[in-house]
Each structure stands twice: as structure tokens, then as C-alpha cells.
Amino acid sequence: MIDKITIEDIDVELIKKKIKNIHLSVHQPYGRVRLSVPLRMGDEAAKKFVESRLPWIKKQRKKYSLNEQPAEITYASGERHNLFGQSYLLNVYEYTGRQHAELKNNESIDLYVRPVSTVGKRKKILDEWYRDNLKSAIPGYIEKWEKVIGVNVKEWGIKLMKTRWGTCNVRDQRIWINLELAKKNPRCLEYIIVHEMVHLLERHHNDIFKSYMTKFLPDWKDIRDELNGLSH
């Protein structure tokens, strides 16, 4: 049985199963928190346990967060950057026109920036390009799955999130997609969109939610593991 508890804006995946001891873990790459507890343990007891381990959880999540942007990435020519699961050579050109990035001949990502551009500015321009690519890809998936799942997404957006690939506001029927998904295999993007849309049918990560996921996307667990770096 899987559910979710939230403490200080930290989502904890709560798993109740036939075990004797409590097991708390924080997973790469985004610091996903998982708590496995015996079937007999109540939610309040589980919540208190998590609260008692908050300092340790935050320490682990901070470590993973820092690992997300390695210091060696300077957005310079010769680096390799991903777009929808494919790796491309980055070429940086000094340019006095509009600063932008573009995919060239399906071989390289060309980044046009000012001669004195900083690493932060180069990252910002590349992130804007990633955002544009996601904006082009997301509507098709939503339209496809609205018909299949039978729900309506009233609003969607893109933002950089350190600990979650996506979120869903059930009341407002709004979903948010992590900007980093522009770098992943398109099936990972589709999985997250389906995941968040299924929350419009079932708010919690319980057996009902899992049954919906299996019905709509039978290989969702494999995609989830791929996304979280648990398979290759």
C-alpha cells in the first residue's frame, strides 16, 4: 500500500507492507524520500517518525541537490548536452543579435551569446530553449491523454523543481512539469504527464492510483525507474 505524507513541503512516499522494521531512504537524483513501515503502523506514527528524522532528510536532499549542477558545467563549446534523451555537442558563438539556442542539423546545439556572457546567462538562454521545446511537446500529450483518461487539464506550466518531476493541483486541475524533462527520453515526459493527470482521478499514491497507471501505461514502473536512474 502506497500513500504520501507531506511535512515542511517535503513529500514522503509512504509504503506499508509486511515488514518488522521501519526503513527511511532518500533517493537520487532529486532527493525523493521513501518511508517503508509495517502494515500495523498508523499514519500519525509514521509522520512523527519522519519529523524526528527531518535534519537527516534535509542533509541528504541538500547533497543530492548540489549534485544536480556539477561545477564543471560552464556551457562552453565542446560540452555535451541532452535534448529529449539525445546527446548533442554544444557550440557557443559570440553574437550581437538576439541571444538564443538552436538545434543544428540534428547534430549540435548552437548557442548564440554576447562576447562577455556569463555562465549564468548562458544557462538561462539554454533553459529558455529547453522550455520552448517542452511547450511544443506537452500539448500533444495532454490532448492525447485527456481522451484516454477522461479528465480535463485546465492549465499547465513548466518550472524547474529540485525534488519532483511534476505536480498536480487537483482542485484547480492544473499540472506543473519539471523543466529538466526536456533533457530526458520523451517517454519519460509522457509518463510524468500521465502520472499527474491520473491524480485528477485519484489524489493519493495508493492501489487505486497504481491500477489506473497500469491500465493506461502498462510499463510505467520501468519508465519511472529509468527516469530516477534505477535502470539503464
Foldseek 3Di string as FASTA:
>chain_A
DWWWDADPNAIEIEAEDADDDWDWDFAPQQRHIYIYDYNPDDPVVVVVVCVVCVVVSVVVNVVNLVVVDDPPDQQAFQDWAFFQADIATEHEDADDPDWAWDQDPVHHIYTYHHPPDGSVRSVVRVLVVLQVVCVVVPVVLQVVVCVVVVDDQPEEEEDADRHDQKAEDLVNSYIYGHSCNRRHNVVLVSLVVNLRNLCNVPVIPDPVSVVSSCVVPVCSVVSVCVVRVNDD
